[in-house]
PDB file of N, CA and C in Angstrom:
ATOM      1  N   UNK A   1       0.858  -1.175   0.000  1.00  0.00           N
ATOM      2  CA  UNK A   1       0.000   0.000   0.000  1.00  0.00           C
ATOM      3  C   UNK A   1       0.898   1.230   0.000  1.00  0.00           C
ATOM      4  N   UNK A   2       0.522   2.216  -0.760  1.00  0.00           N
ATOM      5  CA  UNK A   2       1.286   3.448  -0.818  1.00  0.00           C
ATOM      6  C   UNK A   2       0.667   4.499   0.091  1.00  0.00           C
ATOM      7  N   UNK A   3       1.515   5.177   0.833  1.00  0.00           N
ATOM      8  CA  UNK A   3       1.131   6.285   1.694  1.00  0.00           C
ATOM      9  C   UNK A   3       1.957   7.494   1.283  1.00  0.00           C
ATOM     10  N   UNK A   4       1.442   8.689   1.541  1.00  0.00           N
ATOM     11  CA  UNK A   4       2.208   9.896   1.273  1.00  0.00           C
ATOM     12  C   UNK A   4       2.926  10.311   2.553  1.00  0.00           C
ATOM     13  N   UNK A   5       4.226  10.467   2.471  1.00  0.00           N
ATOM     14  CA  UNK A   5       5.031  10.912   3.604  1.00  0.00           C
ATOM     15  C   UNK A   5       5.202  12.423   3.505  1.00  0.00           C
ATOM     16  N   UNK A   6       4.634  13.155   4.428  1.00  0.00           N
ATOM     17  CA  UNK A   6       4.738  14.612   4.430  1.00  0.00           C
ATOM     18  C   UNK A   6       6.178  15.027   4.701  1.00  0.00           C
ATOM     19  N   UNK A   7       6.837  14.315   5.587  1.00  0.00           N
ATOM     20  CA  UNK A   7       8.212  14.649   5.950  1.00  0.00           C
ATOM     21  C   UNK A   7       9.158  14.502   4.755  1.00  0.00           C
ATOM     22  N   UNK A   8       8.986  13.419   3.995  1.00  0.00           N
ATOM     23  CA  UNK A   8       9.854  13.171   2.846  1.00  0.00           C
ATOM     24  C   UNK A   8       9.298  13.743   1.544  1.00  0.00           C
ATOM     25  N   UNK A   9       8.053  14.181   1.573  1.00  0.00           N
ATOM     26  CA  UNK A   9       7.371  14.759   0.411  1.00  0.00           C
ATOM     27  C   UNK A   9       7.349  13.823  -0.794  1.00  0.00           C
ATOM     28  N   UNK A  10       7.022  12.565  -0.527  1.00  0.00           N
ATOM     29  CA  UNK A  10       6.917  11.590  -1.611  1.00  0.00           C
ATOM     30  C   UNK A  10       6.067  10.405  -1.142  1.00  0.00           C
ATOM     31  N   UNK A  11       5.656   9.600  -2.116  1.00  0.00           N
ATOM     32  CA  UNK A  11       4.909   8.390  -1.814  1.00  0.00           C
ATOM     33  C   UNK A  11       5.888   7.315  -1.354  1.00  0.00           C
ATOM     34  N   UNK A  12       5.500   6.567  -0.315  1.00  0.00           N
ATOM     35  CA  UNK A  12       6.331   5.474   0.190  1.00  0.00           C
ATOM     36  C   UNK A  12       5.505   4.197   0.203  1.00  0.00           C
ATOM     37  N   UNK A  13       6.162   3.074  -0.012  1.00  0.00           N
ATOM     38  CA  UNK A  13       5.495   1.780  -0.001  1.00  0.00           C
ATOM     39  C   UNK A  13       5.608   1.146   1.377  1.00  0.00           C
ATOM     40  N   UNK A  14       4.479   0.660   1.882  1.00  0.00           N
ATOM     41  CA  UNK A  14       4.428  -0.033   3.170  1.00  0.00           C
ATOM     42  C   UNK A  14       3.826  -1.406   2.905  1.00  0.00           C
ATOM     43  N   UNK A  15       4.445  -2.485   3.386  1.00  0.00           N
ATOM     44  CA  UNK A  15       3.879  -3.825   3.185  1.00  0.00           C
ATOM     45  C   UNK A  15       2.456  -3.914   3.752  1.00  0.00           C
ATOM     46  N   UNK A  16       1.600  -4.632   3.028  1.00  0.00           N
ATOM     47  CA  UNK A  16       0.193  -4.742   3.430  1.00  0.00           C
ATOM     48  C   UNK A  16       0.018  -5.353   4.812  1.00  0.00           C
ATOM     49  N   UNK A  17       0.942  -6.216   5.251  1.00  0.00           N
ATOM     50  CA  UNK A  17       0.790  -6.848   6.565  1.00  0.00           C
ATOM     51  C   UNK A  17       1.096  -5.889   7.711  1.00  0.00           C
ATOM     52  N   UNK A  18       1.626  -4.689   7.433  1.00  0.00           N
ATOM     53  CA  UNK A  18       1.906  -3.705   8.475  1.00  0.00           C
ATOM     54  C   UNK A  18       0.848  -2.608   8.535  1.00  0.00           C
ATOM     55  N   UNK A  19      -0.181  -2.724   7.704  1.00  0.00           N
ATOM     56  CA  UNK A  19      -1.236  -1.708   7.645  1.00  0.00           C
ATOM     57  C   UNK A  19      -2.350  -2.080   8.619  1.00  0.00           C
ATOM     58  N   UNK A  20      -2.777  -1.100   9.424  1.00  0.00           N
ATOM     59  CA  UNK A  20      -3.863  -1.303  10.388  1.00  0.00           C
ATOM     60  C   UNK A  20      -5.042  -0.418   9.992  1.00  0.00           C
ATOM     61  N   UNK A  21      -6.231  -0.812  10.425  1.00  0.00           N
ATOM     62  CA  UNK A  21      -7.436  -0.054  10.100  1.00  0.00           C
ATOM     63  C   UNK A  21      -7.871   0.806  11.273  1.00  0.00           C
ATOM     64  N   UNK A  22      -8.515   1.913  10.960  1.00  0.00           N
ATOM     65  CA  UNK A  22      -9.041   2.830  11.981  1.00  0.00           C
ATOM     66  C   UNK A  22     -10.339   3.416  11.445  1.00  0.00           C
ATOM     67  N   UNK A  23     -11.348   3.470  12.295  1.00  0.00           N
ATOM     68  CA  UNK A  23     -12.648   4.016  11.908  1.00  0.00           C
ATOM     69  C   UNK A  23     -12.957   5.197  12.821  1.00  0.00           C
ATOM     70  N   UNK A  24     -13.243   6.341  12.212  1.00  0.00           N
ATOM     71  CA  UNK A  24     -13.567   7.550  12.959  1.00  0.00           C
ATOM     72  C   UNK A  24     -15.062   7.824  12.815  1.00  0.00           C
ATOM     73  N   UNK A  25     -15.762   7.906  13.934  1.00  0.00           N
ATOM     74  CA  UNK A  25     -17.196   8.193  13.931  1.00  0.00           C
ATOM     75  C   UNK A  25     -17.460   9.446  14.746  1.00  0.00           C
ATOM     76  N   UNK A  26     -18.360  10.275  14.238  1.00  0.00           N
ATOM     77  CA  UNK A  26     -18.756  11.452  14.994  1.00  0.00           C
ATOM     78  C   UNK A  26     -20.181  11.806  14.638  1.00  0.00           C
ATOM     79  N   UNK A  27     -20.806  12.596  15.490  1.00  0.00           N
ATOM     80  CA  UNK A  27     -22.159  13.080  15.253  1.00  0.00           C
ATOM     81  C   UNK A  27     -22.074  14.558  14.905  1.00  0.00           C
ATOM     82  N   UNK A  28     -22.671  14.919  13.788  1.00  0.00           N
ATOM     83  CA  UNK A  28     -22.634  16.311  13.353  1.00  0.00           C
ATOM     84  C   UNK A  28     -23.611  17.146  14.174  1.00  0.00           C
ATOM     85  N   UNK A  29     -23.564  18.454  13.981  1.00  0.00           N
ATOM     86  CA  UNK A  29     -24.476  19.340  14.709  1.00  0.00           C
ATOM     87  C   UNK A  29     -25.931  19.038  14.408  1.00  0.00           C
ATOM     88  N   UNK A  30     -26.201  18.615  13.179  1.00  0.00           N
ATOM     89  CA  UNK A  30     -27.581  18.313  12.797  1.00  0.00           C
ATOM     90  C   UNK A  30     -28.036  16.934  13.266  1.00  0.00           C
ATOM     91  N   UNK A  31     -27.145  16.179  13.912  1.00  0.00           N
ATOM     92  CA  UNK A  31     -27.515  14.889  14.478  1.00  0.00           C
ATOM     93  C   UNK A  31     -27.190  13.702  13.583  1.00  0.00           C
ATOM     94  N   UNK A  32     -26.641  13.946  12.407  1.00  0.00           N
ATOM     95  CA  UNK A  32     -26.298  12.856  11.510  1.00  0.00           C
ATOM     96  C   UNK A  32     -24.993  12.202  11.974  1.00  0.00           C
ATOM     97  N   UNK A  33     -24.866  10.919  11.693  1.00  0.00           N
ATOM     98  CA  UNK A  33     -23.666  10.179  12.052  1.00  0.00           C
ATOM     99  C   UNK A  33     -22.714  10.183  10.850  1.00  0.00           C
ATOM    100  N   UNK A  34     -21.476  10.617  11.067  1.00  0.00           N
ATOM    101  CA  UNK A  34     -20.483  10.660  10.003  1.00  0.00           C
ATOM    102  C   UNK A  34     -19.398   9.638  10.311  1.00  0.00           C
ATOM    103  N   UNK A  35     -19.039   8.847   9.309  1.00  0.00           N
ATOM    104  CA  UNK A  35     -18.021   7.812   9.484  1.00  0.00           C
ATOM    105  C   UNK A  35     -16.934   8.017   8.433  1.00  0.00           C
ATOM    106  N   UNK A  36     -15.680   8.002   8.879  1.00  0.00           N
ATOM    107  CA  UNK A  36     -14.535   8.069   7.975  1.00  0.00           C
ATOM    108  C   UNK A  36     -13.668   6.844   8.222  1.00  0.00           C
ATOM    109  N   UNK A  37     -13.152   6.282   7.146  1.00  0.00           N
ATOM    110  CA  UNK A  37     -12.333   5.073   7.223  1.00  0.00           C
ATOM    111  C   UNK A  37     -10.890   5.428   6.887  1.00  0.00           C
ATOM    112  N   UNK A  38      -9.958   4.902   7.666  1.00  0.00           N
ATOM    113  CA  UNK A  38      -8.547   5.224   7.458  1.00  0.00           C
ATOM    114  C   UNK A  38      -7.688   3.972   7.598  1.00  0.00           C
ATOM    115  N   UNK A  39      -6.541   4.019   6.933  1.00  0.00           N
ATOM    116  CA  UNK A  39      -5.510   3.006   7.096  1.00  0.00           C
ATOM    117  C   UNK A  39      -4.325   3.691   7.743  1.00  0.00           C
ATOM    118  N   UNK A  40      -3.701   3.012   8.695  1.00  0.00           N
ATOM    119  CA  UNK A  40      -2.571   3.590   9.419  1.00  0.00           C
ATOM    120  C   UNK A  40      -1.373   2.656   9.285  1.00  0.00           C
ATOM    121  N   UNK A  41      -0.192   3.268   9.241  1.00  0.00           N
ATOM    122  CA  UNK A  41       1.044   2.495   9.165  1.00  0.00           C
ATOM    123  C   UNK A  41       2.168   3.328   9.754  1.00  0.00           C
ATOM    124  N   UNK A  42       3.296   2.659   9.991  1.00  0.00           N
ATOM    125  CA  UNK A  42       4.485   3.360  10.482  1.00  0.00           C
ATOM    126  C   UNK A  42       5.623   3.084   9.511  1.00  0.00           C
ATOM    127  N   UNK A  43       6.356   4.146   9.160  1.00  0.00           N
ATOM    128  CA  UNK A  43       7.444   4.050   8.191  1.00  0.00           C
ATOM    129  C   UNK A  43       8.600   4.910   8.673  1.00  0.00           C
ATOM    130  N   UNK A  44       9.729   4.289   8.964  1.00  0.00           N
ATOM    131  CA  UNK A  44      10.910   5.000   9.472  1.00  0.00           C
ATOM    132  C   UNK A  44      10.580   5.897  10.660  1.00  0.00           C
ATOM    133  N   UNK A  45       9.763   5.411  11.570  1.00  0.00           N
ATOM    134  CA  UNK A  45       9.399   6.179  12.750  1.00  0.00           C
ATOM    135  C   UNK A  45       8.308   7.203  12.528  1.00  0.00           C
ATOM    136  N   UNK A  46       7.812   7.332  11.312  1.00  0.00           N
ATOM    137  CA  UNK A  46       6.733   8.279  11.002  1.00  0.00           C
ATOM    138  C   UNK A  46       5.398   7.554  11.041  1.00  0.00           C
ATOM    139  N   UNK A  47       4.410   8.185  11.621  1.00  0.00           N
ATOM    140  CA  UNK A  47       3.066   7.629  11.611  1.00  0.00           C
ATOM    141  C   UNK A  47       2.352   8.168  10.380  1.00  0.00           C
ATOM    142  N   UNK A  48       1.860   7.258   9.544  1.00  0.00           N
ATOM    143  CA  UNK A  48       1.207   7.627   8.294  1.00  0.00           C
ATOM    144  C   UNK A  48      -0.263   7.261   8.348  1.00  0.00           C
ATOM    145  N   UNK A  49      -1.108   8.114   7.786  1.00  0.00           N
ATOM    146  CA  UNK A  49      -2.543   7.877   7.733  1.00  0.00           C
ATOM    147  C   UNK A  49      -3.036   8.139   6.324  1.00  0.00           C
ATOM    148  N   UNK A  50      -3.931   7.276   5.858  1.00  0.00           N
ATOM    149  CA  UNK A  50      -4.515   7.438   4.531  1.00  0.00           C
ATOM    150  C   UNK A  50      -6.008   7.176   4.654  1.00  0.00           C
ATOM    151  N   UNK A  51      -6.826   8.155   4.263  1.00  0.00           N
ATOM    152  CA  UNK A  51      -8.270   7.984   4.302  1.00  0.00           C
ATOM    153  C   UNK A  51      -8.714   7.267   3.033  1.00  0.00           C
ATOM    154  N   UNK A  52      -9.575   6.265   3.211  1.00  0.00           N
ATOM    155  CA  UNK A  52      -9.989   5.409   2.097  1.00  0.00           C
ATOM    156  C   UNK A  52     -11.501   5.206   2.138  1.00  0.00           C
ATOM    157  N   UNK A  53     -12.017   4.542   1.100  1.00  0.00           N
ATOM    158  CA  UNK A  53     -13.444   4.223   1.070  1.00  0.00           C
ATOM    159  C   UNK A  53     -13.709   2.958   1.895  1.00  0.00           C
ATOM    160  N   UNK A  54     -14.978   2.671   2.095  1.00  0.00           N
ATOM    161  CA  UNK A  54     -15.372   1.556   2.957  1.00  0.00           C
ATOM    162  C   UNK A  54     -14.909   0.210   2.402  1.00  0.00           C
ATOM    163  N   UNK A  55     -14.944   0.035   1.091  1.00  0.00           N
ATOM    164  CA  UNK A  55     -14.538  -1.236   0.494  1.00  0.00           C
ATOM    165  C   UNK A  55     -13.048  -1.530   0.741  1.00  0.00           C
ATOM    166  N   UNK A  56     -12.210  -0.517   0.599  1.00  0.00           N
ATOM    167  CA  UNK A  56     -10.771  -0.691   0.849  1.00  0.00           C
ATOM    168  C   UNK A  56     -10.523  -0.964   2.328  1.00  0.00           C
ATOM    169  N   UNK A  57     -11.270  -0.272   3.176  1.00  0.00           N
ATOM    170  CA  UNK A  57     -11.173  -0.464   4.638  1.00  0.00           C
ATOM    171  C   UNK A  57     -11.470  -1.929   4.979  1.00  0.00           C
ATOM    172  N   UNK A  58     -12.530  -2.478   4.423  1.00  0.00           N
ATOM    173  CA  UNK A  58     -12.910  -3.868   4.714  1.00  0.00           C
ATOM    174  C   UNK A  58     -11.920  -4.855   4.125  1.00  0.00           C
ATOM    175  N   UNK A  59     -11.302  -4.508   3.000  1.00  0.00           N
ATOM    176  CA  UNK A  59     -10.298  -5.380   2.375  1.00  0.00           C
ATOM    177  C   UNK A  59      -9.109  -5.605   3.317  1.00  0.00           C
ATOM    178  N   UNK A  60      -8.775  -4.604   4.117  1.00  0.00           N
ATOM    179  CA  UNK A  60      -7.657  -4.717   5.039  1.00  0.00           C
ATOM    180  C   UNK A  60      -8.087  -5.200   6.425  1.00  0.00           C
ATOM    181  N   UNK A  61      -9.272  -5.732   6.543  1.00  0.00           N
ATOM    182  CA  UNK A  61      -9.700  -6.361   7.781  1.00  0.00           C
ATOM    183  C   UNK A  61     -10.535  -5.485   8.692  1.00  0.00           C
ATOM    184  N   UNK A  62     -11.003  -4.346   8.227  1.00  0.00           N
ATOM    185  CA  UNK A  62     -11.856  -3.495   9.046  1.00  0.00           C
ATOM    186  C   UNK A  62     -13.225  -4.109   9.234  1.00  0.00           C
ATOM    187  N   UNK A  63     -13.829  -3.836  10.387  1.00  0.00           N
ATOM    188  CA  UNK A  63     -15.164  -4.387  10.678  1.00  0.00           C
ATOM    189  C   UNK A  63     -16.171  -3.283  10.825  1.00  0.00           C
TER     190      UNK A  63
END
Protein backbone atom coordinates (compact mmCIF):
# COMPACT_ATOMS: atom_id res chain seq x y z
CA UNK A 1 0.00 0.00 0.00
CA UNK A 2 1.29 3.45 -0.82
CA UNK A 3 1.13 6.29 1.69
CA UNK A 4 2.21 9.90 1.27
CA UNK A 5 5.03 10.91 3.60
CA UNK A 6 4.74 14.61 4.43
CA UNK A 7 8.21 14.65 5.95
CA UNK A 8 9.85 13.17 2.85
CA UNK A 9 7.37 14.76 0.41
CA UNK A 10 6.92 11.59 -1.61
CA UNK A 11 4.91 8.39 -1.81
CA UNK A 12 6.33 5.47 0.19
CA UNK A 13 5.49 1.78 0.00
CA UNK A 14 4.43 -0.03 3.17
CA UNK A 15 3.88 -3.82 3.18
CA UNK A 16 0.19 -4.74 3.43
CA UNK A 17 0.79 -6.85 6.57
CA UNK A 18 1.91 -3.70 8.47
CA UNK A 19 -1.24 -1.71 7.65
CA UNK A 20 -3.86 -1.30 10.39
CA UNK A 21 -7.44 -0.05 10.10
CA UNK A 22 -9.04 2.83 11.98
CA UNK A 23 -12.65 4.02 11.91
CA UNK A 24 -13.57 7.55 12.96
CA UNK A 25 -17.20 8.19 13.93
CA UNK A 26 -18.76 11.45 14.99
CA UNK A 27 -22.16 13.08 15.25
CA UNK A 28 -22.63 16.31 13.35
CA UNK A 29 -24.48 19.34 14.71
CA UNK A 30 -27.58 18.31 12.80
CA UNK A 31 -27.51 14.89 14.48
CA UNK A 32 -26.30 12.86 11.51
CA UNK A 33 -23.67 10.18 12.05
CA UNK A 34 -20.48 10.66 10.00
CA UNK A 35 -18.02 7.81 9.48
CA UNK A 36 -14.53 8.07 7.97
CA UNK A 37 -12.33 5.07 7.22
CA UNK A 38 -8.55 5.22 7.46
CA UNK A 39 -5.51 3.01 7.10
CA UNK A 40 -2.57 3.59 9.42
CA UNK A 41 1.04 2.50 9.17
CA UNK A 42 4.49 3.36 10.48
CA UNK A 43 7.44 4.05 8.19
CA UNK A 44 10.91 5.00 9.47
CA UNK A 45 9.40 6.18 12.75
CA UNK A 46 6.73 8.28 11.00
CA UNK A 47 3.07 7.63 11.61
CA UNK A 48 1.21 7.63 8.29
CA UNK A 49 -2.54 7.88 7.73
CA UNK A 50 -4.51 7.44 4.53
CA UNK A 51 -8.27 7.98 4.30
CA UNK A 52 -9.99 5.41 2.10
CA UNK A 53 -13.44 4.22 1.07
CA UNK A 54 -15.37 1.56 2.96
CA UNK A 55 -14.54 -1.24 0.49
CA UNK A 56 -10.77 -0.69 0.85
CA UNK A 57 -11.17 -0.46 4.64
CA UNK A 58 -12.91 -3.87 4.71
CA UNK A 59 -10.30 -5.38 2.38
CA UNK A 60 -7.66 -4.72 5.04
CA UNK A 61 -9.70 -6.36 7.78
CA UNK A 62 -11.86 -3.49 9.05
CA UNK A 63 -15.16 -4.39 10.68
